[in-house]
N, C-alpha and C. Protein backbone atom coordinates (compact mmCIF):
# COMPACT_ATOMS: atom_id res chain seq x y z
N MET A 1 -47.30 -13.13 -42.66
CA MET A 1 -45.50 -13.06 -42.63
C MET A 1 -45.75 -11.97 -41.83
N ASN A 2 -46.26 -11.08 -41.22
CA ASN A 2 -46.08 -10.11 -40.51
C ASN A 2 -46.13 -10.48 -38.83
N ARG A 3 -47.36 -11.19 -38.83
CA ARG A 3 -47.89 -11.94 -37.87
C ARG A 3 -46.29 -13.07 -37.03
N PHE A 4 -46.09 -13.52 -38.29
CA PHE A 4 -44.54 -14.95 -37.81
C PHE A 4 -43.25 -13.58 -37.61
N VAL A 5 -43.20 -12.09 -37.56
CA VAL A 5 -42.13 -11.59 -37.46
C VAL A 5 -42.55 -11.12 -36.30
N ARG A 6 -43.80 -10.57 -35.81
CA ARG A 6 -44.03 -10.10 -34.71
C ARG A 6 -43.55 -11.08 -33.50
N VAL A 7 -44.00 -12.36 -33.90
CA VAL A 7 -43.98 -13.52 -32.61
C VAL A 7 -42.74 -13.82 -32.78
N LEU A 8 -41.80 -13.86 -33.79
CA LEU A 8 -40.61 -13.85 -33.79
C LEU A 8 -39.77 -12.83 -32.92
N THR A 9 -40.02 -11.77 -33.33
CA THR A 9 -39.45 -10.42 -32.41
C THR A 9 -39.45 -10.76 -30.61
N MET A 10 -40.82 -11.18 -30.56
CA MET A 10 -41.66 -10.88 -29.29
C MET A 10 -40.28 -12.24 -28.34
N VAL A 11 -40.36 -13.43 -28.98
CA VAL A 11 -39.82 -14.65 -28.62
C VAL A 11 -37.94 -14.14 -28.31
N MET A 12 -37.71 -13.19 -29.84
CA MET A 12 -36.31 -13.15 -29.66
C MET A 12 -35.93 -11.95 -27.75
N LEU A 13 -37.27 -11.02 -28.29
CA LEU A 13 -37.26 -9.91 -26.70
C LEU A 13 -37.23 -10.62 -25.74
N ALA A 14 -38.17 -11.67 -25.31
CA ALA A 14 -38.19 -12.55 -24.25
C ALA A 14 -37.40 -13.41 -23.66
N LEU A 15 -36.23 -13.76 -24.75
CA LEU A 15 -34.72 -14.61 -24.72
C LEU A 15 -34.15 -13.10 -24.20
N ALA A 16 -33.43 -12.43 -24.99
CA ALA A 16 -32.79 -11.34 -23.91
C ALA A 16 -33.34 -10.87 -22.86
N SER A 17 -34.14 -10.27 -22.75
CA SER A 17 -35.13 -10.16 -20.97
C SER A 17 -34.62 -11.54 -20.30
N LEU A 18 -34.35 -12.99 -20.68
CA LEU A 18 -34.40 -13.35 -19.57
C LEU A 18 -32.93 -13.42 -19.39
N THR A 19 -32.01 -13.59 -20.51
CA THR A 19 -30.77 -13.60 -20.24
C THR A 19 -30.02 -12.41 -19.34
N LEU A 20 -30.36 -11.20 -19.83
CA LEU A 20 -30.29 -9.66 -19.00
C LEU A 20 -30.65 -9.92 -17.02
N GLN A 21 -32.09 -10.92 -17.02
CA GLN A 21 -32.51 -11.37 -15.69
C GLN A 21 -31.40 -12.37 -14.96
N ALA A 22 -30.90 -13.14 -15.74
CA ALA A 22 -30.19 -14.04 -15.01
C ALA A 22 -28.89 -13.69 -14.85
N GLN A 23 -27.95 -12.50 -15.62
CA GLN A 23 -26.97 -12.28 -15.15
C GLN A 23 -27.30 -11.06 -14.04
N SER A 24 -28.99 -10.43 -14.23
CA SER A 24 -28.62 -9.31 -12.91
C SER A 24 -29.23 -10.33 -11.91
N THR A 25 -29.30 -11.38 -11.68
CA THR A 25 -29.83 -12.15 -10.78
C THR A 25 -28.02 -12.53 -9.99
N ARG A 26 -27.00 -13.17 -10.95
CA ARG A 26 -26.04 -13.58 -10.65
C ARG A 26 -25.14 -12.49 -9.94
N VAL A 27 -25.28 -11.38 -10.65
CA VAL A 27 -24.43 -10.05 -10.12
C VAL A 27 -24.87 -9.67 -8.46
N ARG A 28 -26.52 -9.76 -8.41
CA ARG A 28 -27.21 -9.42 -7.22
C ARG A 28 -26.37 -10.73 -6.27
N ALA A 29 -25.94 -11.57 -6.72
CA ALA A 29 -26.14 -13.25 -5.86
C ALA A 29 -24.24 -12.52 -5.13
N ALA A 30 -23.93 -12.00 -5.95
CA ALA A 30 -22.51 -11.74 -5.99
C ALA A 30 -22.25 -10.85 -5.13
N ASN A 31 -23.09 -9.59 -4.90
CA ASN A 31 -23.09 -8.39 -4.46
C ASN A 31 -23.73 -8.89 -2.69
N ARG A 32 -24.47 -9.80 -2.63
CA ARG A 32 -24.70 -9.97 -1.57
C ARG A 32 -23.47 -10.58 -0.58
N GLN A 33 -22.82 -11.43 -1.36
CA GLN A 33 -21.68 -12.11 -0.93
C GLN A 33 -20.61 -11.01 -0.35
N PHE A 34 -20.49 -9.96 -1.39
CA PHE A 34 -19.33 -8.74 -1.51
C PHE A 34 -19.58 -8.01 -0.16
N GLU A 35 -21.32 -8.05 0.36
CA GLU A 35 -21.67 -6.78 1.44
C GLU A 35 -21.41 -7.72 2.61
N ALA A 36 -21.31 -8.84 2.72
CA ALA A 36 -21.25 -9.62 3.39
C ALA A 36 -19.69 -10.27 3.87
N MET A 37 -19.00 -9.24 3.39
CA MET A 37 -17.43 -9.93 3.02
C MET A 37 -17.13 -10.99 3.57
N SER A 38 -17.79 -11.84 2.47
CA SER A 38 -16.92 -12.88 2.18
C SER A 38 -16.75 -13.10 0.70
N TYR A 39 -15.30 -12.45 1.03
CA TYR A 39 -14.44 -12.47 -0.71
C TYR A 39 -14.04 -13.26 -1.13
N VAL A 40 -14.32 -14.41 -0.73
CA VAL A 40 -14.00 -15.76 -1.62
C VAL A 40 -15.17 -16.34 -2.63
N ASN A 41 -16.12 -16.03 -1.94
CA ASN A 41 -17.28 -16.26 -2.97
C ASN A 41 -17.78 -14.79 -3.88
N SER A 42 -17.72 -13.97 -3.46
CA SER A 42 -17.36 -13.04 -4.37
C SER A 42 -17.03 -12.71 -5.49
N VAL A 43 -15.74 -13.51 -4.98
CA VAL A 43 -15.13 -13.17 -6.28
C VAL A 43 -15.21 -14.55 -7.80
N ARG A 44 -15.81 -15.88 -6.85
CA ARG A 44 -15.83 -16.61 -7.87
C ARG A 44 -17.31 -15.87 -8.52
N LEU A 45 -18.26 -15.46 -8.04
CA LEU A 45 -19.16 -14.67 -8.61
C LEU A 45 -19.50 -13.88 -9.46
N TYR A 46 -18.57 -12.95 -9.61
CA TYR A 46 -18.07 -11.90 -10.32
C TYR A 46 -17.14 -12.52 -11.56
N GLU A 47 -16.19 -12.99 -11.13
CA GLU A 47 -15.50 -13.58 -12.37
C GLU A 47 -16.41 -14.94 -13.12
N GLU A 48 -17.53 -15.13 -12.58
CA GLU A 48 -18.42 -15.75 -13.90
C GLU A 48 -19.02 -15.29 -14.44
N PHE A 49 -19.74 -13.75 -13.87
CA PHE A 49 -20.36 -13.12 -14.37
C PHE A 49 -19.59 -12.45 -15.97
N LEU A 50 -18.48 -12.42 -15.33
CA LEU A 50 -17.60 -11.54 -16.47
C LEU A 50 -17.07 -12.45 -17.41
N ARG A 51 -17.05 -14.04 -17.77
CA ARG A 51 -16.81 -14.14 -18.01
C ARG A 51 -17.83 -15.22 -19.46
N LEU A 52 -19.25 -14.79 -18.50
CA LEU A 52 -20.25 -15.37 -19.57
C LEU A 52 -20.35 -14.24 -20.51
N ASP A 53 -20.29 -12.83 -19.94
CA ASP A 53 -20.92 -11.78 -20.80
C ASP A 53 -20.34 -10.22 -20.32
N LYS A 54 -19.73 -9.33 -21.46
CA LYS A 54 -19.35 -8.56 -21.03
C LYS A 54 -20.02 -7.11 -21.11
N LYS A 55 -21.09 -7.62 -22.21
CA LYS A 55 -21.30 -6.90 -23.20
C LYS A 55 -22.77 -6.10 -23.19
N LYS A 56 -23.39 -6.41 -21.99
CA LYS A 56 -24.80 -6.19 -21.83
C LYS A 56 -24.99 -4.79 -21.15
N ASP A 57 -24.81 -4.35 -20.16
CA ASP A 57 -24.62 -3.26 -19.46
C ASP A 57 -23.59 -2.43 -19.00
N PRO A 58 -22.85 -1.45 -19.71
CA PRO A 58 -21.63 -1.48 -19.22
C PRO A 58 -21.11 -0.58 -17.44
N ALA A 59 -22.45 0.13 -17.24
CA ALA A 59 -22.31 0.34 -16.09
C ALA A 59 -22.20 -0.47 -14.83
N GLU A 60 -23.08 -1.69 -14.88
CA GLU A 60 -23.05 -2.92 -14.40
C GLU A 60 -21.68 -3.45 -14.65
N ILE A 61 -21.19 -3.47 -15.47
CA ILE A 61 -19.82 -3.96 -15.78
C ILE A 61 -19.24 -3.27 -15.16
N ARG A 62 -18.87 -2.04 -15.06
CA ARG A 62 -17.51 -1.03 -14.24
C ARG A 62 -17.93 -1.34 -12.93
N ASP A 63 -19.08 -1.71 -12.07
CA ASP A 63 -19.17 -1.92 -11.19
C ASP A 63 -18.62 -3.30 -10.26
N VAL A 64 -18.96 -4.16 -11.25
CA VAL A 64 -18.22 -5.67 -10.97
C VAL A 64 -16.90 -5.38 -10.96
N TYR A 65 -16.37 -4.54 -11.91
CA TYR A 65 -15.02 -4.30 -11.89
C TYR A 65 -14.37 -4.16 -10.62
N ILE A 66 -14.86 -2.93 -10.27
CA ILE A 66 -14.13 -2.35 -8.85
C ILE A 66 -14.80 -3.36 -7.77
N LYS A 67 -15.93 -4.00 -8.17
CA LYS A 67 -15.67 -4.83 -6.22
C LYS A 67 -15.04 -5.79 -6.20
N LEU A 68 -14.39 -6.40 -7.98
CA LEU A 68 -13.52 -7.57 -7.95
C LEU A 68 -12.48 -7.13 -7.16
N GLY A 69 -11.92 -6.06 -7.73
CA GLY A 69 -10.64 -5.67 -7.60
C GLY A 69 -10.49 -5.88 -5.96
N TYR A 70 -11.93 -5.09 -5.33
CA TYR A 70 -11.45 -4.64 -4.12
C TYR A 70 -11.74 -5.82 -3.33
N SER A 71 -12.31 -7.17 -3.31
CA SER A 71 -12.36 -8.51 -3.48
C SER A 71 -11.05 -9.17 -3.23
N TYR A 72 -10.48 -8.80 -4.59
CA TYR A 72 -9.20 -9.55 -4.63
C TYR A 72 -8.04 -8.89 -3.88
N ARG A 73 -7.96 -7.36 -3.33
CA ARG A 73 -7.19 -6.97 -2.65
C ARG A 73 -7.62 -7.20 -1.05
N LYS A 74 -8.60 -7.38 -0.52
CA LYS A 74 -8.88 -7.96 0.54
C LYS A 74 -8.41 -9.06 0.58
N LEU A 75 -8.84 -9.96 0.01
CA LEU A 75 -7.76 -11.18 -0.17
C LEU A 75 -6.59 -11.90 -0.04
N GLN A 76 -5.96 -10.04 -0.34
CA GLN A 76 -4.44 -10.18 -0.76
C GLN A 76 -3.81 -10.91 -1.77
N ASP A 77 -4.67 -10.67 -2.98
CA ASP A 77 -4.35 -11.74 -4.18
C ASP A 77 -3.82 -10.13 -5.06
N THR A 78 -2.46 -9.94 -5.08
CA THR A 78 -1.95 -9.29 -5.70
C THR A 78 -2.05 -9.36 -7.31
N ARG A 79 -1.56 -10.63 -7.77
CA ARG A 79 -1.52 -10.87 -9.00
C ARG A 79 -2.89 -10.45 -9.68
N ASN A 80 -4.06 -11.32 -9.02
CA ASN A 80 -5.28 -10.67 -9.80
C ASN A 80 -5.62 -9.38 -9.04
N ALA A 81 -5.53 -8.59 -8.20
CA ALA A 81 -5.76 -7.61 -8.04
C ALA A 81 -5.74 -6.53 -9.45
N GLU A 82 -3.65 -6.70 -9.57
CA GLU A 82 -2.89 -6.20 -10.58
C GLU A 82 -3.59 -6.18 -11.92
N ARG A 83 -4.39 -7.64 -12.11
CA ARG A 83 -4.96 -7.73 -13.53
C ARG A 83 -6.78 -6.87 -13.25
N ILE A 84 -7.09 -6.54 -12.14
CA ILE A 84 -8.40 -6.18 -12.39
C ILE A 84 -7.95 -4.61 -12.48
N TYR A 85 -7.43 -4.22 -11.53
CA TYR A 85 -7.26 -2.56 -11.54
C TYR A 85 -6.59 -2.20 -12.80
N GLY A 86 -5.80 -3.05 -13.58
CA GLY A 86 -4.86 -2.49 -14.78
C GLY A 86 -6.19 -2.21 -16.05
N GLU A 87 -7.31 -3.39 -15.82
CA GLU A 87 -8.37 -3.26 -16.76
C GLU A 87 -9.14 -2.13 -16.26
N LEU A 88 -9.37 -1.81 -14.88
CA LEU A 88 -10.18 -0.77 -15.00
C LEU A 88 -9.14 0.67 -15.34
N VAL A 89 -7.80 1.13 -14.57
CA VAL A 89 -7.19 2.23 -15.22
C VAL A 89 -7.70 2.14 -17.11
N LYS A 90 -7.00 1.04 -17.62
CA LYS A 90 -6.87 0.94 -18.92
C LYS A 90 -8.19 1.56 -19.58
N ASN A 91 -9.68 0.94 -19.37
CA ASN A 91 -10.81 1.09 -19.77
C ASN A 91 -11.56 2.08 -19.14
N TYR A 92 -11.39 2.86 -18.21
CA TYR A 92 -12.28 3.93 -17.59
C TYR A 92 -11.72 5.25 -17.19
N GLN A 93 -12.16 6.48 -17.45
CA GLN A 93 -11.92 7.62 -17.22
C GLN A 93 -12.06 8.22 -16.06
N ASP A 94 -13.07 8.05 -15.37
CA ASP A 94 -13.79 8.62 -14.31
C ASP A 94 -13.70 7.84 -13.23
N LEU A 95 -12.45 7.48 -13.10
CA LEU A 95 -12.45 6.34 -11.68
C LEU A 95 -11.90 7.27 -10.39
N ASP A 96 -12.53 6.72 -9.23
CA ASP A 96 -12.27 7.66 -8.15
C ASP A 96 -10.83 7.29 -7.91
N SER A 97 -9.70 8.27 -7.18
CA SER A 97 -8.49 8.46 -7.65
C SER A 97 -7.74 7.32 -6.51
N GLU A 98 -8.69 6.55 -5.93
CA GLU A 98 -8.12 5.28 -5.20
C GLU A 98 -7.56 3.34 -5.73
N MET A 99 -8.31 4.19 -7.24
CA MET A 99 -8.47 3.00 -7.80
C MET A 99 -7.07 2.66 -8.32
N TYR A 100 -6.22 4.26 -8.61
CA TYR A 100 -5.13 4.55 -9.18
C TYR A 100 -3.67 3.70 -8.00
N LEU A 101 -4.23 3.99 -6.54
CA LEU A 101 -3.86 3.60 -5.47
C LEU A 101 -3.23 2.58 -5.72
N TYR A 102 -4.53 2.08 -5.39
CA TYR A 102 -4.97 0.30 -5.37
C TYR A 102 -3.74 -0.62 -6.56
N TYR A 103 -4.33 0.21 -7.60
CA TYR A 103 -3.16 -0.29 -8.95
C TYR A 103 -1.54 -0.20 -8.35
N ALA A 104 -1.40 0.74 -8.15
CA ALA A 104 -0.19 1.18 -7.62
C ALA A 104 0.82 0.39 -6.71
N GLN A 105 -0.10 -0.05 -5.85
CA GLN A 105 0.12 -1.19 -4.30
C GLN A 105 0.22 -1.88 -5.21
N ALA A 106 -0.59 -2.87 -5.64
CA ALA A 106 -0.68 -4.27 -5.92
C ALA A 106 0.36 -4.08 -7.45
N LEU A 107 1.05 -3.37 -8.12
CA LEU A 107 2.45 -3.45 -8.96
C LEU A 107 3.38 -3.62 -7.62
N ALA A 108 3.39 -2.71 -6.87
CA ALA A 108 4.29 -2.79 -6.21
C ALA A 108 4.34 -3.69 -5.58
N GLU A 109 3.58 -4.80 -4.94
CA GLU A 109 4.10 -5.99 -4.03
C GLU A 109 4.47 -7.39 -5.07
N ASN A 110 3.85 -6.53 -6.26
CA ASN A 110 4.57 -7.90 -7.62
C ASN A 110 5.47 -7.66 -7.99
N GLY A 111 6.60 -6.93 -7.36
CA GLY A 111 7.48 -6.13 -7.90
C GLY A 111 7.92 -5.44 -9.06
N LYS A 112 6.90 -4.97 -9.35
CA LYS A 112 7.20 -4.06 -10.89
C LYS A 112 6.67 -2.88 -10.60
N TYR A 113 8.20 -2.36 -10.16
CA TYR A 113 8.43 -0.88 -9.18
C TYR A 113 8.27 -0.09 -9.96
N ARG A 114 8.79 -0.12 -11.17
CA ARG A 114 8.59 1.32 -12.35
C ARG A 114 7.10 1.33 -12.71
N GLN A 115 6.36 0.67 -13.08
CA GLN A 115 5.14 0.69 -13.31
C GLN A 115 4.90 1.12 -12.22
N ALA A 116 4.96 0.93 -10.98
CA ALA A 116 4.36 1.11 -10.11
C ALA A 116 4.17 2.61 -9.71
N GLN A 117 5.84 2.90 -9.65
CA GLN A 117 5.67 4.27 -9.86
C GLN A 117 5.03 5.50 -10.56
N LYS A 118 4.44 5.21 -11.71
CA LYS A 118 3.94 5.78 -12.65
C LYS A 118 2.40 5.96 -11.88
N LEU A 119 2.31 4.82 -11.41
CA LEU A 119 0.70 5.01 -10.71
C LEU A 119 0.75 5.95 -9.68
N TYR A 120 1.37 5.86 -8.84
CA TYR A 120 1.36 6.62 -7.35
C TYR A 120 1.76 7.96 -7.98
N SER A 121 2.59 8.40 -9.28
CA SER A 121 2.10 9.45 -10.04
C SER A 121 1.00 9.90 -10.37
N GLN A 122 0.25 9.17 -11.10
CA GLN A 122 -0.44 9.62 -10.86
C GLN A 122 -1.96 9.60 -9.98
N TYR A 123 -1.31 8.98 -8.86
CA TYR A 123 -2.50 8.94 -7.58
C TYR A 123 -2.17 10.53 -6.90
N GLY A 124 -1.24 10.87 -7.03
CA GLY A 124 -0.30 12.02 -6.97
C GLY A 124 -0.96 13.20 -7.33
N GLU A 125 -1.28 13.20 -8.40
CA GLU A 125 -1.86 14.12 -8.97
C GLU A 125 -3.48 14.54 -9.06
N LYS A 126 -4.20 13.15 -8.55
CA LYS A 126 -4.84 13.15 -8.38
C LYS A 126 -5.85 13.58 -6.86
N GLN A 127 -4.80 13.30 -6.21
CA GLN A 127 -4.93 13.48 -4.75
C GLN A 127 -3.80 14.20 -3.63
N SER A 128 -3.05 14.99 -4.10
CA SER A 128 -2.19 16.07 -3.78
C SER A 128 -1.79 16.01 -2.56
N GLU A 129 -3.04 16.45 -1.64
CA GLU A 129 -2.82 16.28 -0.15
C GLU A 129 -2.69 14.99 0.34
N ASP A 130 -2.59 14.20 -0.27
CA ASP A 130 -2.18 12.28 0.18
C ASP A 130 -0.77 12.22 -0.12
N LEU A 131 0.46 12.43 0.78
CA LEU A 131 1.47 12.37 0.41
C LEU A 131 2.05 11.04 0.09
N ARG A 132 1.37 10.22 -0.14
CA ARG A 132 2.00 8.81 -0.44
C ARG A 132 2.39 8.62 -1.91
N GLY A 133 1.63 9.46 -2.36
CA GLY A 133 1.65 9.75 -3.76
C GLY A 133 2.75 9.76 -4.56
N ARG A 134 3.46 11.15 -3.72
CA ARG A 134 4.54 11.86 -4.17
C ARG A 134 5.79 11.14 -3.42
N ARG A 135 5.74 10.62 -2.26
CA ARG A 135 6.74 10.16 -1.52
C ARG A 135 6.90 8.53 -2.39
N PHE A 136 6.24 7.80 -2.86
CA PHE A 136 6.31 6.65 -3.40
C PHE A 136 6.93 6.51 -4.65
N THR A 137 6.52 7.70 -5.54
CA THR A 137 7.31 8.27 -6.36
C THR A 137 8.60 8.46 -6.43
N VAL A 138 9.54 9.11 -5.24
CA VAL A 138 10.21 9.07 -5.24
C VAL A 138 11.15 8.60 -4.61
N SER A 139 10.66 7.42 -3.88
CA SER A 139 11.23 6.36 -3.25
C SER A 139 11.87 5.04 -4.31
N TYR A 140 11.27 5.11 -5.38
CA TYR A 140 10.87 4.01 -6.24
C TYR A 140 12.00 4.76 -7.61
N MET A 141 12.62 5.59 -7.23
CA MET A 141 13.53 6.07 -8.17
C MET A 141 14.79 5.71 -7.89
N ASP A 142 14.91 5.24 -6.68
CA ASP A 142 16.25 4.58 -6.15
C ASP A 142 15.93 3.41 -5.12
N MET A 143 15.74 2.10 -5.54
CA MET A 143 15.70 1.03 -5.45
C MET A 143 16.43 0.45 -4.20
N GLY A 144 17.75 0.82 -4.50
CA GLY A 144 19.08 0.34 -3.28
C GLY A 144 18.75 0.77 -1.65
N ARG A 145 17.68 2.40 -1.53
CA ARG A 145 18.07 2.33 -0.34
C ARG A 145 16.66 1.48 0.72
N PHE A 146 15.34 0.38 -0.09
CA PHE A 146 14.82 -0.59 0.80
C PHE A 146 15.82 -2.17 1.12
N TYR A 147 17.28 -1.88 0.33
CA TYR A 147 17.95 -3.18 0.81
C TYR A 147 18.93 -2.80 1.48
N GLN A 148 19.04 -1.14 1.92
CA GLN A 148 20.49 -1.18 2.33
C GLN A 148 20.68 -1.78 3.90
N ASP A 149 19.88 -1.72 4.69
CA ASP A 149 19.85 -2.80 5.94
C ASP A 149 19.72 -4.79 5.46
N SER A 150 19.32 -4.67 4.41
CA SER A 150 18.98 -6.38 4.47
C SER A 150 19.98 -7.55 4.78
N SER A 151 20.94 -6.89 4.61
CA SER A 151 22.28 -8.06 5.09
C SER A 151 22.42 -7.98 6.69
N SER A 152 21.45 -7.41 7.78
CA SER A 152 21.78 -6.94 8.73
C SER A 152 20.74 -8.29 9.59
N TYR A 153 20.06 -9.22 9.08
CA TYR A 153 18.88 -9.20 9.35
C TYR A 153 18.84 -11.30 8.29
N ARG A 154 18.59 -12.25 8.89
CA ARG A 154 18.21 -13.16 8.79
C ARG A 154 16.85 -13.90 8.92
N VAL A 155 16.66 -14.48 7.79
CA VAL A 155 14.77 -14.84 8.10
C VAL A 155 14.76 -16.49 8.13
N ALA A 156 14.12 -17.24 8.72
CA ALA A 156 14.62 -18.61 8.87
C ALA A 156 13.17 -19.14 9.35
N THR A 157 12.39 -20.40 8.89
CA THR A 157 11.83 -20.96 9.44
C THR A 157 12.01 -22.25 10.70
N LEU A 158 11.03 -21.97 11.44
CA LEU A 158 11.28 -22.43 12.94
C LEU A 158 10.39 -23.77 12.61
N PRO A 159 10.64 -24.97 13.38
CA PRO A 159 9.86 -26.25 13.96
C PRO A 159 8.33 -25.76 14.49
N ILE A 160 8.16 -24.75 14.65
CA ILE A 160 6.80 -24.50 15.20
C ILE A 160 5.93 -23.65 14.12
N ASN A 161 6.61 -23.03 12.62
CA ASN A 161 6.00 -22.48 11.87
C ASN A 161 5.04 -23.53 11.20
N SER A 162 3.81 -22.94 10.63
CA SER A 162 2.97 -23.51 9.87
C SER A 162 2.77 -23.21 8.49
N ARG A 163 1.96 -23.55 7.62
CA ARG A 163 1.88 -23.17 6.78
C ARG A 163 0.90 -21.76 6.64
N GLN A 164 0.53 -21.34 7.74
CA GLN A 164 -0.70 -20.64 7.59
C GLN A 164 0.15 -19.19 8.42
N ALA A 165 -0.70 -17.92 8.81
CA ALA A 165 -0.40 -16.95 9.28
C ALA A 165 0.26 -17.28 10.67
N ASP A 166 1.80 -16.91 10.95
CA ASP A 166 1.96 -16.98 12.44
C ASP A 166 3.13 -15.41 12.49
N PHE A 167 2.32 -15.14 14.04
CA PHE A 167 2.82 -13.76 13.84
C PHE A 167 2.62 -13.22 15.27
N SER A 168 2.92 -12.23 15.59
CA SER A 168 3.12 -11.32 16.70
C SER A 168 3.71 -12.36 18.32
N PRO A 169 5.14 -12.76 17.68
CA PRO A 169 5.43 -13.79 18.77
C PRO A 169 5.71 -12.47 19.95
N MET A 170 5.84 -13.10 21.51
CA MET A 170 5.93 -12.60 22.49
C MET A 170 6.57 -13.56 23.60
N PHE A 171 7.96 -13.00 24.18
CA PHE A 171 8.74 -14.25 25.12
C PHE A 171 7.40 -13.80 26.45
N TYR A 172 7.53 -15.45 27.02
CA TYR A 172 6.36 -15.62 28.10
C TYR A 172 7.20 -16.67 29.13
N LYS A 173 7.66 -16.53 30.19
CA LYS A 173 8.59 -17.51 31.54
C LYS A 173 9.53 -17.81 30.16
N ASN A 174 9.99 -19.05 30.20
CA ASN A 174 11.30 -19.35 29.08
C ASN A 174 10.25 -19.92 27.77
N GLY A 175 9.45 -19.15 27.42
CA GLY A 175 9.05 -19.76 26.17
C GLY A 175 8.65 -18.58 24.84
N LEU A 176 7.35 -19.16 24.37
CA LEU A 176 7.16 -18.00 23.40
C LEU A 176 5.64 -18.47 22.77
N VAL A 177 4.99 -17.01 23.19
CA VAL A 177 3.56 -17.29 22.92
C VAL A 177 3.20 -16.42 21.79
N PHE A 178 2.46 -17.11 20.73
CA PHE A 178 2.40 -16.62 19.34
C PHE A 178 0.91 -16.26 18.85
N VAL A 179 0.51 -15.61 17.55
CA VAL A 179 -0.68 -16.13 17.14
C VAL A 179 -0.79 -16.96 15.78
N SER A 180 -1.84 -18.14 15.42
CA SER A 180 -1.61 -18.21 14.38
C SER A 180 -3.08 -18.81 13.57
N ALA A 181 -3.33 -18.84 12.67
CA ALA A 181 -4.01 -19.12 11.40
C ALA A 181 -4.39 -20.45 11.45
N ARG A 182 -3.16 -21.29 11.75
CA ARG A 182 -3.56 -22.96 11.72
C ARG A 182 -4.46 -23.83 11.69
N ASP A 183 -4.93 -24.45 11.18
CA ASP A 183 -6.14 -25.38 11.24
C ASP A 183 -5.58 -26.71 11.78
N GLU A 184 -5.85 -27.45 12.96
CA GLU A 184 -5.50 -28.03 13.89
C GLU A 184 -6.69 -29.19 13.97
N GLY A 185 -7.73 -29.14 12.85
CA GLY A 185 -8.00 -30.47 11.68
C GLY A 185 -9.23 -31.17 13.24
N GLY A 186 -9.49 -30.38 14.13
CA GLY A 186 -10.72 -30.68 14.79
C GLY A 186 -12.02 -31.00 14.26
N ALA A 187 -13.13 -31.70 14.97
CA ALA A 187 -14.33 -31.97 14.18
C ALA A 187 -14.78 -31.04 13.50
N LEU A 188 -14.81 -29.45 14.85
CA LEU A 188 -15.58 -28.22 14.27
C LEU A 188 -14.37 -27.43 13.83
N LYS A 189 -14.89 -26.87 12.03
CA LYS A 189 -13.74 -26.28 11.91
C LYS A 189 -14.55 -24.83 11.44
N ARG A 190 -13.96 -23.89 12.16
CA ARG A 190 -14.16 -22.69 12.20
C ARG A 190 -13.02 -21.99 11.22
N VAL A 191 -14.25 -20.97 10.59
CA VAL A 191 -13.10 -20.44 9.15
C VAL A 191 -13.99 -18.93 9.53
N PHE A 192 -13.39 -17.96 9.08
CA PHE A 192 -13.60 -16.56 8.68
C PHE A 192 -14.34 -16.67 7.35
N ASN A 193 -15.74 -16.23 7.14
CA ASN A 193 -15.75 -16.47 6.05
C ASN A 193 -15.65 -15.09 4.99
N TRP A 194 -14.32 -14.45 5.79
CA TRP A 194 -13.87 -12.91 4.64
C TRP A 194 -13.19 -13.92 3.68
N ASN A 195 -12.16 -15.15 4.04
CA ASN A 195 -11.33 -15.85 3.11
C ASN A 195 -11.33 -17.28 3.78
N GLN A 196 -12.31 -17.74 4.04
CA GLN A 196 -12.34 -19.25 4.23
C GLN A 196 -11.15 -19.78 5.20
N THR A 197 -10.23 -18.85 6.03
CA THR A 197 -9.05 -18.91 6.86
C THR A 197 -9.61 -19.56 8.00
N PRO A 198 -8.81 -20.58 8.91
CA PRO A 198 -9.23 -20.81 9.97
C PRO A 198 -9.43 -19.72 11.18
N PHE A 199 -9.91 -19.65 12.38
CA PHE A 199 -9.89 -18.34 13.22
C PHE A 199 -8.62 -18.58 13.74
N LEU A 200 -8.26 -17.29 14.15
CA LEU A 200 -6.73 -17.50 14.72
C LEU A 200 -6.63 -17.53 16.34
N ASP A 201 -5.88 -18.18 16.87
CA ASP A 201 -5.78 -18.74 17.93
C ASP A 201 -3.99 -18.46 18.70
N LEU A 202 -4.15 -18.33 19.94
CA LEU A 202 -2.62 -18.58 20.87
C LEU A 202 -2.16 -19.51 21.06
N TYR A 203 -1.35 -19.53 20.93
CA TYR A 203 -0.42 -21.04 21.01
C TYR A 203 1.02 -20.76 21.45
N PHE A 204 1.35 -21.79 22.29
CA PHE A 204 2.58 -21.41 23.29
C PHE A 204 3.53 -22.33 23.51
N HIS A 205 4.79 -22.13 23.26
CA HIS A 205 5.73 -22.88 23.00
C HIS A 205 6.96 -23.33 24.30
N PRO A 206 7.30 -24.22 24.80
CA PRO A 206 7.55 -23.99 26.41
C PRO A 206 8.83 -23.84 26.41
N ASP A 207 9.55 -23.87 25.23
CA ASP A 207 11.34 -23.62 25.68
C ASP A 207 11.30 -23.08 24.38
N THR A 208 12.32 -21.71 24.28
CA THR A 208 12.83 -21.48 23.18
C THR A 208 14.33 -21.84 22.84
N LEU A 209 15.05 -22.20 23.49
CA LEU A 209 16.10 -22.98 23.48
C LEU A 209 16.27 -24.53 22.20
N GLN A 210 14.92 -24.89 22.15
CA GLN A 210 14.51 -25.65 21.59
C GLN A 210 14.38 -25.17 20.05
N LEU A 211 14.27 -23.68 19.55
CA LEU A 211 13.73 -23.21 18.44
C LEU A 211 15.51 -22.47 18.07
N ARG A 212 16.32 -22.84 18.75
CA ARG A 212 17.33 -22.15 18.02
C ARG A 212 18.21 -22.84 17.11
N GLN A 213 18.95 -22.00 16.02
CA GLN A 213 18.78 -22.52 14.66
C GLN A 213 20.20 -22.59 15.02
N PRO A 214 20.93 -24.07 14.25
CA PRO A 214 22.28 -24.51 14.51
C PRO A 214 23.40 -23.14 13.96
N GLY A 215 24.16 -23.12 15.11
CA GLY A 215 25.36 -22.22 15.13
C GLY A 215 24.83 -21.22 15.81
N GLU A 216 23.62 -20.58 16.70
CA GLU A 216 23.37 -20.31 17.33
C GLU A 216 24.04 -19.92 18.68
N SER A 217 24.25 -18.56 19.02
CA SER A 217 24.85 -18.39 20.67
C SER A 217 23.97 -18.46 21.03
N SER A 218 23.69 -18.68 22.85
CA SER A 218 22.78 -18.81 23.66
C SER A 218 22.62 -17.16 24.42
């Protein structure tokens, strides 16, 4: 009987060891992607790890959450960044002050200004020399100041716009030169390892008159 118990115990320990090894392998793979700044892949692997088991190594779980939040932040996925930083702030007391700053920024990006104000205040208490905490805490007390000039501007989509990022326009001769991350659908697809978006390139539209909106004066 004792022999059976010993054998059963050894089998259970072996299985537990294999499980831990598999998890560590998964986290190591995610960390390699993170260190290579391949955040699309690191997000997938970290989320997979968290779904499978959160109860093994608390230090490893904490590190995964920190790197996952950073990955979402770099991908500008503010909703998931808010979710992960919210979990960190709720569950851990010994976080670096930047975690509170990143959480506040994600909340503000998602339009949750009152909650962001509280987090900026907490960040300001932890990093008194960084004026962002105090300034944003005060600014979010009166949101009207952010919109007081909004009626002076109008934003419209132009025919040359794409679904990707289009930015940095500059007048050149009679046309417009600008930067875009659009995918031209060529045989060779070059993308950033960071977020799998196409490489940036310069584009030129030869006639700005064609870009005028109806009713605009010359």
